[in-house]
Amino acid sequence: MKVIYAYRYGIVGGVSSQLLLRQAAMAEVGIECHLFFSQDNGLRDMPCNGGRVYYGCDISLRKLVLRVKPDVVLVVDSPELLREARGGFWGRIPVFLDVHTTTHNGLAYLSHLSVNMLSGICVPTKYSAGLVSGKVASCAPSVVPNLLNTDDFFRRSQEHMSEPAVREFIWVGKLDNHKNWQLAIIYAALAKSILGTIRLTIVGGFTAPKARAKELFELILRMDVANEVRWIDRIGNAELGDLYRNCALSGGAMLVSSRDESFGMAAAEALLCGCPLIANDLPVFREVFPDSSQVQRVDVWNLEEVANAFKRVEMGADAEKIEQMSLYLQKQYGKTKFIRAFRAAVEGVL
């Protein structure tokens, strides 16, 4: 089978990283997967070991479809690519829509979508399926779960790790309103007032405009956490995994302030490394993560709840709880389940 995934943003992290994971998993079972990004937002500079990654500045999706002659094309939240996905043979190549966004504005295009041109719709969770069904009642989405990167994100033995000097916290995401980045800075000030010396590492925002970066630094100064907060606009998976593990070892946590998520990849990766979460109580997290003290779900707008969560973060990782969480996530979001669900979603129309 030959597959093309097409997406607008070639970013470091997020959906783009998920597509690279899917490509590698498909290669292991003999599925030839090509990735097309209409924009290069920094991904080209990152190593893509599987190859077969293309950008709109080099080739159009239509030309790629004609060259590869795929059995199916999956377009991720990029409605402008749907017609190009059919190449030069209208109606001959099955085209699926893969929906990963959850924002009101992001889902608005579904209301104007011509479902007749699609062979199906895929989503990563039942929660997302409910959101899509509310917009496109005539097409029941297929749940194709996300894959977790267990090569880079795992709990490493602490024997040779030096204990961090301060309590470490981490926040990962784009610097946009959906991810609620401002709350990360406010939480840093709150944690400082409760725990004393702390450090918060903000990861992400490589594509943020200069005005947004200026807002970030202004808020850091206004909240008096210039010595406690550092910003890394992009980072490799291996280094990110080390940050998660340092958080766990220091008695810190990952902060998740998003207004909504379709899955929560970064949060899951942190848990694999033994890093607990202080996370917004999102419906999808109740679906993706089992009940565990490793996941503290709070109302992110209630500072008292967040403060109490900071007080409950344990010094030192509980090996049994981490192992239970890791085994659960690996089983639920491993390669076998993904491939099985993917085949079930697309092979019926081939």
Protein backbone atom coordinates (compact mmCIF):
# COMPACT_ATOMS: atom_id res chain seq x y z
CA MET A 1 0.00 0.00 0.00
CA LYS A 2 1.12 3.56 -0.75
CA VAL A 3 -0.05 6.43 1.42
CA ILE A 4 0.37 10.21 1.35
CA TYR A 5 -0.31 12.37 4.41
CA ALA A 6 -0.70 16.06 3.55
CA TYR A 7 -0.64 18.88 6.09
CA ARG A 8 -0.27 22.64 5.98
CA TYR A 9 2.35 23.16 8.69
CA GLY A 10 5.80 21.58 8.71
CA ILE A 11 6.47 22.44 12.35
CA VAL A 12 8.78 20.92 14.95
CA GLY A 13 6.42 18.98 17.19
CA GLY A 14 2.65 18.66 17.18
CA VAL A 15 0.91 17.00 14.25
CA SER A 16 4.06 17.06 12.11
CA SER A 17 5.95 14.91 14.61
CA GLN A 18 2.97 12.56 14.82
CA LEU A 19 3.04 12.11 11.04
CA LEU A 20 6.73 11.23 11.15
CA LEU A 21 5.96 8.59 13.80
CA ARG A 22 3.16 7.18 11.67
CA GLN A 23 5.42 7.07 8.63
CA ALA A 24 8.03 5.03 10.53
CA ALA A 25 5.41 2.64 11.92
CA MET A 26 3.97 2.05 8.46
CA ALA A 27 7.40 1.32 7.01
CA GLU A 28 7.82 -1.52 9.51
CA VAL A 29 4.75 -3.29 8.10
CA GLY A 30 5.52 -2.61 4.44
CA ILE A 31 3.32 0.46 3.89
CA GLU A 32 5.06 3.13 1.82
CA CYS A 33 4.18 6.48 3.39
CA HIS A 34 5.01 9.92 1.97
CA LEU A 35 4.57 13.19 3.88
CA PHE A 36 3.70 16.51 2.23
CA PHE A 37 3.81 19.87 4.03
CA SER A 38 2.67 22.94 2.12
CA GLN A 39 4.76 25.15 4.45
CA ASP A 40 8.18 24.62 6.00
CA ASN A 41 7.98 26.04 9.52
CA GLY A 42 11.34 24.71 10.70
CA LEU A 43 10.78 20.97 10.16
CA ARG A 44 13.17 20.76 7.21
CA ASP A 45 16.08 21.55 9.53
CA MET A 46 15.26 18.58 11.76
CA PRO A 47 16.44 15.02 10.91
CA CYS A 48 13.75 12.96 9.18
CA ASN A 49 15.27 9.50 9.05
CA GLY A 50 12.56 7.95 6.90
CA GLY A 51 12.95 10.32 3.96
CA ARG A 52 9.99 10.77 1.59
CA VAL A 53 9.20 14.16 3.12
CA TYR A 54 8.23 16.95 0.71
CA TYR A 55 7.48 20.66 0.98
CA GLY A 56 5.21 22.89 -1.05
CA CYS A 57 8.07 25.18 -1.98
CA ASP A 58 9.63 22.25 -3.89
CA ILE A 59 6.65 20.39 -5.33
CA SER A 60 2.87 20.74 -5.33
CA LEU A 61 0.69 18.09 -3.74
CA ARG A 62 -0.98 17.45 -7.10
CA LYS A 63 2.35 16.67 -8.75
CA LEU A 64 3.38 14.46 -5.83
CA VAL A 65 0.15 12.47 -6.08
CA LEU A 66 0.69 11.96 -9.81
CA ARG A 67 4.29 10.86 -9.20
CA VAL A 68 3.67 8.50 -6.26
CA LYS A 69 0.28 7.13 -7.41
CA PRO A 70 -0.88 6.43 -3.82
CA ASP A 71 -3.70 4.13 -2.83
CA VAL A 72 -5.01 6.74 -0.42
CA VAL A 73 -4.31 10.36 0.56
CA LEU A 74 -5.05 11.70 4.03
CA VAL A 75 -5.31 15.47 4.40
CA VAL A 76 -4.83 16.81 7.93
CA ASP A 77 -6.88 19.91 8.76
CA SER A 78 -5.93 21.58 5.47
CA PRO A 79 -9.12 21.88 3.38
CA GLU A 80 -7.30 23.85 0.67
CA LEU A 81 -5.37 20.67 -0.16
CA LEU A 82 -8.37 18.38 -0.64
CA ARG A 83 -8.80 18.94 -4.37
CA GLU A 84 -5.06 18.72 -5.02
CA ALA A 85 -5.04 15.43 -3.13
CA ARG A 86 -6.92 13.79 -5.99
CA GLY A 87 -4.12 14.52 -8.43
CA GLY A 88 -5.21 14.56 -12.06
CA PHE A 89 -7.77 11.79 -11.77
CA TRP A 90 -10.92 13.22 -10.22
CA GLY A 91 -12.60 10.75 -7.91
CA ARG A 92 -10.17 7.92 -8.57
CA ILE A 93 -7.90 8.23 -5.52
CA PRO A 94 -9.64 7.88 -2.12
CA VAL A 95 -9.12 10.99 0.00
CA PHE A 96 -9.62 11.03 3.76
CA LEU A 97 -9.77 14.02 6.05
CA ASP A 98 -7.79 13.61 9.28
CA VAL A 99 -9.03 16.07 11.93
CA HIS A 100 -6.71 16.93 14.82
CA THR A 101 -7.80 20.46 15.69
CA THR A 102 -10.37 21.14 18.42
CA THR A 103 -10.71 24.92 18.34
CA HIS A 104 -13.95 26.55 17.26
CA ASN A 105 -12.20 28.48 14.49
CA GLY A 106 -10.14 25.47 13.48
CA LEU A 107 -13.23 23.30 13.05
CA ALA A 108 -15.25 25.96 11.23
CA TYR A 109 -14.21 24.64 7.81
CA LEU A 110 -16.12 21.42 8.46
CA SER A 111 -19.42 23.28 8.19
CA HIS A 112 -18.61 24.21 4.56
CA LEU A 113 -17.09 20.88 3.59
CA SER A 114 -18.35 18.84 0.65
CA VAL A 115 -18.45 15.42 2.31
CA ASN A 116 -19.20 13.74 -1.03
CA MET A 117 -15.60 14.24 -2.12
CA LEU A 118 -14.28 12.32 0.91
CA SER A 119 -13.92 8.59 1.41
CA GLY A 120 -13.92 9.07 5.17
CA ILE A 121 -12.84 11.11 8.18
CA CYS A 122 -10.28 10.06 10.79
CA VAL A 123 -9.71 11.46 14.30
CA PRO A 124 -7.28 10.52 17.11
CA THR A 125 -9.81 10.15 19.96
CA LYS A 126 -13.48 9.53 20.69
CA TYR A 127 -13.61 13.06 22.07
CA SER A 128 -12.55 14.46 18.69
CA ALA A 129 -15.06 12.17 16.98
CA GLY A 130 -17.82 13.83 18.97
CA LEU A 131 -16.67 17.30 17.97
CA VAL A 132 -16.52 16.35 14.28
CA SER A 133 -19.88 14.57 14.32
CA GLY A 134 -21.43 17.77 15.61
CA LYS A 135 -20.22 19.51 12.45
CA VAL A 136 -20.55 16.71 9.88
CA ALA A 137 -23.49 14.55 10.89
CA SER A 138 -23.54 12.54 7.65
CA CYS A 139 -20.07 10.98 8.09
CA ALA A 140 -19.13 9.00 11.22
CA PRO A 141 -15.41 9.49 11.94
CA SER A 142 -13.04 6.56 12.43
CA VAL A 143 -10.82 6.73 15.51
CA VAL A 144 -7.18 6.15 14.55
CA PRO A 145 -5.20 6.66 17.78
CA ASN A 146 -2.00 8.63 17.92
CA LEU A 147 1.36 6.92 18.27
CA LEU A 148 3.72 7.60 21.14
CA ASN A 149 7.46 7.98 20.64
CA THR A 150 8.86 5.46 23.12
CA ASP A 151 12.33 5.64 21.56
CA ASP A 152 12.95 9.15 22.85
CA PHE A 153 10.46 9.34 25.71
CA PHE A 154 10.97 6.77 28.46
CA ARG A 155 12.03 6.63 32.10
CA ARG A 156 15.79 6.31 32.43
CA SER A 157 17.55 4.86 35.47
CA GLN A 158 18.26 7.64 37.96
CA GLU A 159 21.44 6.07 39.28
CA HIS A 160 23.72 8.15 37.09
CA MET A 161 21.56 11.30 37.04
CA SER A 162 22.58 14.17 39.26
CA GLU A 163 19.70 15.60 41.27
CA PRO A 164 18.66 19.06 39.98
CA ALA A 165 19.47 21.96 42.28
CA VAL A 166 15.91 23.37 42.10
CA ARG A 167 12.37 22.12 41.53
CA GLU A 168 12.00 21.97 37.73
CA PHE A 169 8.76 22.58 35.83
CA ILE A 170 8.10 22.55 32.10
CA TRP A 171 5.45 23.90 29.72
CA VAL A 172 5.36 22.84 26.04
CA GLY A 173 3.39 24.35 23.18
CA LYS A 174 2.93 27.09 20.62
CA LEU A 175 2.72 30.61 21.99
CA ASP A 176 -0.93 31.06 21.11
CA ASN A 177 -4.15 31.70 22.99
CA HIS A 178 -5.31 28.11 22.53
CA LYS A 179 -2.32 26.82 24.51
CA ASN A 180 -2.79 29.55 27.13
CA TRP A 181 0.91 30.33 27.38
CA GLN A 182 0.30 33.33 29.64
CA LEU A 183 -0.86 31.05 32.43
CA ALA A 184 2.51 29.30 32.41
CA ILE A 185 4.17 32.55 33.50
CA ILE A 186 1.53 33.20 36.14
CA TYR A 187 1.99 29.65 37.43
CA ALA A 188 5.74 30.20 37.68
CA ALA A 189 5.13 33.13 40.03
CA LEU A 190 2.64 31.05 42.00
CA ALA A 191 5.04 28.10 42.30
CA LYS A 192 7.81 30.46 43.39
CA SER A 193 5.63 31.85 46.18
CA ILE A 194 4.76 28.33 47.41
CA LEU A 195 7.92 26.30 46.83
CA GLY A 196 10.65 28.92 46.93
CA THR A 197 13.37 28.46 44.33
CA ILE A 198 11.99 26.89 41.14
CA ARG A 199 12.68 26.93 37.42
CA LEU A 200 10.16 26.84 34.61
CA THR A 201 11.29 25.95 31.09
CA ILE A 202 8.94 27.07 28.31
CA VAL A 203 9.45 24.99 25.16
CA GLY A 204 7.98 26.01 21.80
CA GLY A 205 7.11 29.12 19.87
CA PHE A 206 9.68 28.94 17.07
CA THR A 207 7.13 30.34 14.62
CA ALA A 208 5.82 33.00 17.01
CA PRO A 209 5.90 36.57 15.67
CA LYS A 210 8.31 39.04 17.26
CA ALA A 211 5.41 40.84 18.92
CA ARG A 212 4.42 37.63 20.73
CA ALA A 213 7.99 37.06 21.94
CA LYS A 214 8.00 40.63 23.24
CA GLU A 215 4.76 39.93 25.13
CA LEU A 216 6.35 36.82 26.64
CA PHE A 217 9.35 38.70 28.04
CA GLU A 218 7.21 41.61 29.22
CA LEU A 219 4.96 39.25 31.20
CA ILE A 220 7.99 37.47 32.68
CA LEU A 221 9.32 40.80 33.95
CA ARG A 222 5.90 41.94 35.18
CA MET A 223 5.44 38.73 37.19
CA ASP A 224 8.99 39.02 38.62
CA VAL A 225 10.14 35.60 37.43
CA ALA A 226 13.00 36.61 35.13
CA ASN A 227 15.40 34.45 37.14
CA GLU A 228 13.00 31.49 37.22
CA VAL A 229 11.83 31.25 33.59
CA ARG A 230 13.78 30.30 30.49
CA TRP A 231 12.44 30.00 26.95
CA ILE A 232 13.61 27.42 24.37
CA ASP A 233 11.82 28.04 21.08
CA ARG A 234 12.53 24.56 19.67
CA ILE A 235 14.34 21.45 20.83
CA GLY A 236 15.12 17.90 19.75
CA ASN A 237 13.20 14.95 21.21
CA ALA A 238 16.21 13.55 23.06
CA GLU A 239 16.84 16.87 24.83
CA LEU A 240 13.13 17.28 25.58
CA GLY A 241 13.06 13.83 27.13
CA ASP A 242 15.94 14.84 29.40
CA LEU A 243 13.98 17.91 30.51
CA TYR A 244 10.99 15.75 31.43
CA ARG A 245 13.19 13.34 33.37
CA ASN A 246 14.87 16.21 35.23
CA CYS A 247 11.44 17.53 36.22
CA ALA A 248 10.51 14.13 37.62
CA LEU A 249 13.78 13.79 39.53
CA SER A 250 13.51 17.28 41.01
CA GLY A 251 9.97 16.85 42.28
CA GLY A 252 8.52 19.10 39.59
CA ALA A 253 5.87 18.60 36.94
CA MET A 254 4.69 19.48 33.47
CA LEU A 255 2.12 22.27 33.34
CA VAL A 256 -0.66 21.92 30.76
CA SER A 257 -2.83 25.01 30.49
CA SER A 258 -4.40 24.37 27.06
CA ARG A 259 -8.02 25.37 26.52
CA ASP A 260 -8.54 22.10 24.65
CA GLU A 261 -6.64 19.18 23.09
CA SER A 262 -7.45 16.42 20.62
CA PHE A 263 -5.07 14.02 22.39
CA GLY A 264 -2.23 15.62 24.38
CA MET A 265 0.95 14.24 22.82
CA ALA A 266 3.40 16.32 24.84
CA ALA A 267 1.61 15.45 28.07
CA ALA A 268 1.75 11.72 27.25
CA GLU A 269 5.44 11.95 26.40
CA ALA A 270 6.13 13.63 29.73
CA LEU A 271 4.32 10.82 31.57
CA LEU A 272 6.40 8.22 29.73
CA CYS A 273 9.49 9.92 31.18
CA GLY A 274 8.06 9.79 34.69
CA CYS A 275 7.15 13.48 34.76
CA PRO A 276 3.79 14.10 36.46
CA LEU A 277 1.22 16.55 35.13
CA ILE A 278 -0.64 19.51 36.53
CA ALA A 279 -3.15 19.81 33.73
CA ASN A 280 -6.34 21.53 32.78
CA ASP A 281 -9.23 19.15 33.42
CA LEU A 282 -10.00 18.49 29.76
CA PRO A 283 -12.49 15.80 28.66
CA VAL A 284 -9.92 14.21 26.35
CA PHE A 285 -7.44 13.70 29.20
CA ARG A 286 -10.06 11.59 30.99
CA GLU A 287 -10.19 9.44 27.87
CA VAL A 288 -6.45 9.21 27.12
CA PHE A 289 -4.97 8.95 30.64
CA PRO A 290 -6.03 6.52 33.38
CA ASP A 291 -6.74 7.74 36.89
CA SER A 292 -3.40 8.22 38.64
CA SER A 293 -1.71 10.56 41.08
CA GLN A 294 0.68 11.20 38.17
CA VAL A 295 -2.06 13.30 36.57
CA GLN A 296 -3.51 16.15 38.62
CA ARG A 297 -6.49 17.60 36.74
CA VAL A 298 -7.39 21.12 37.84
CA ASP A 299 -9.45 24.11 36.81
CA VAL A 300 -6.65 26.23 35.35
CA TRP A 301 -8.58 29.43 36.09
CA ASN A 302 -8.78 28.58 39.79
CA LEU A 303 -5.46 29.62 41.34
CA GLU A 304 -6.32 27.93 44.64
CA GLU A 305 -6.69 24.57 42.86
CA VAL A 306 -3.43 25.08 41.02
CA ALA A 307 -1.67 26.11 44.24
CA ASN A 308 -2.86 22.96 45.98
CA ALA A 309 -1.60 20.89 43.05
CA PHE A 310 1.86 22.43 43.41
CA LYS A 311 1.84 21.47 47.09
CA ARG A 312 0.93 17.87 46.24
CA VAL A 313 3.72 17.30 43.70
CA GLU A 314 5.93 14.63 45.21
CA MET A 315 9.66 14.93 45.74
CA GLY A 316 11.14 11.95 43.89
CA ALA A 317 9.34 9.71 41.45
CA ASP A 318 7.16 6.78 42.51
CA ALA A 319 8.58 3.95 40.39
CA GLU A 320 5.46 1.76 40.59
CA LYS A 321 3.08 4.53 39.54
CA ILE A 322 5.36 5.53 36.67
CA GLU A 323 5.67 1.93 35.49
CA GLN A 324 1.91 1.43 35.54
CA MET A 325 1.33 4.62 33.56
CA SER A 326 4.08 3.81 31.06
CA LEU A 327 2.79 0.28 30.39
CA TYR A 328 -0.75 1.56 29.93
CA LEU A 329 0.26 4.26 27.45
CA GLN A 330 2.53 1.94 25.47
CA LYS A 331 -0.24 -0.63 25.15
CA GLN A 332 -2.99 1.84 24.23
CA TYR A 333 -0.94 4.02 21.89
CA GLY A 334 1.61 1.66 20.38
CA LYS A 335 2.30 0.72 16.77
CA THR A 336 0.09 -2.38 16.73
CA LYS A 337 -3.08 -0.52 17.70
CA PHE A 338 -2.35 2.32 15.31
CA ILE A 339 -1.75 0.06 12.29
CA ARG A 340 -4.84 -2.02 13.07
CA ALA A 341 -7.04 1.07 13.37
CA PHE A 342 -5.54 2.67 10.26
CA ARG A 343 -6.17 -0.42 8.15
CA ALA A 344 -9.72 -0.71 9.46
CA ALA A 345 -10.39 2.92 8.52
CA VAL A 346 -9.01 2.95 4.96
CA GLU A 347 -8.92 -0.56 3.53
CA GLY A 348 -12.69 -0.77 3.16
CA VAL A 349 -12.61 1.80 0.35
CA LEU A 350 -9.52 0.59 -1.49
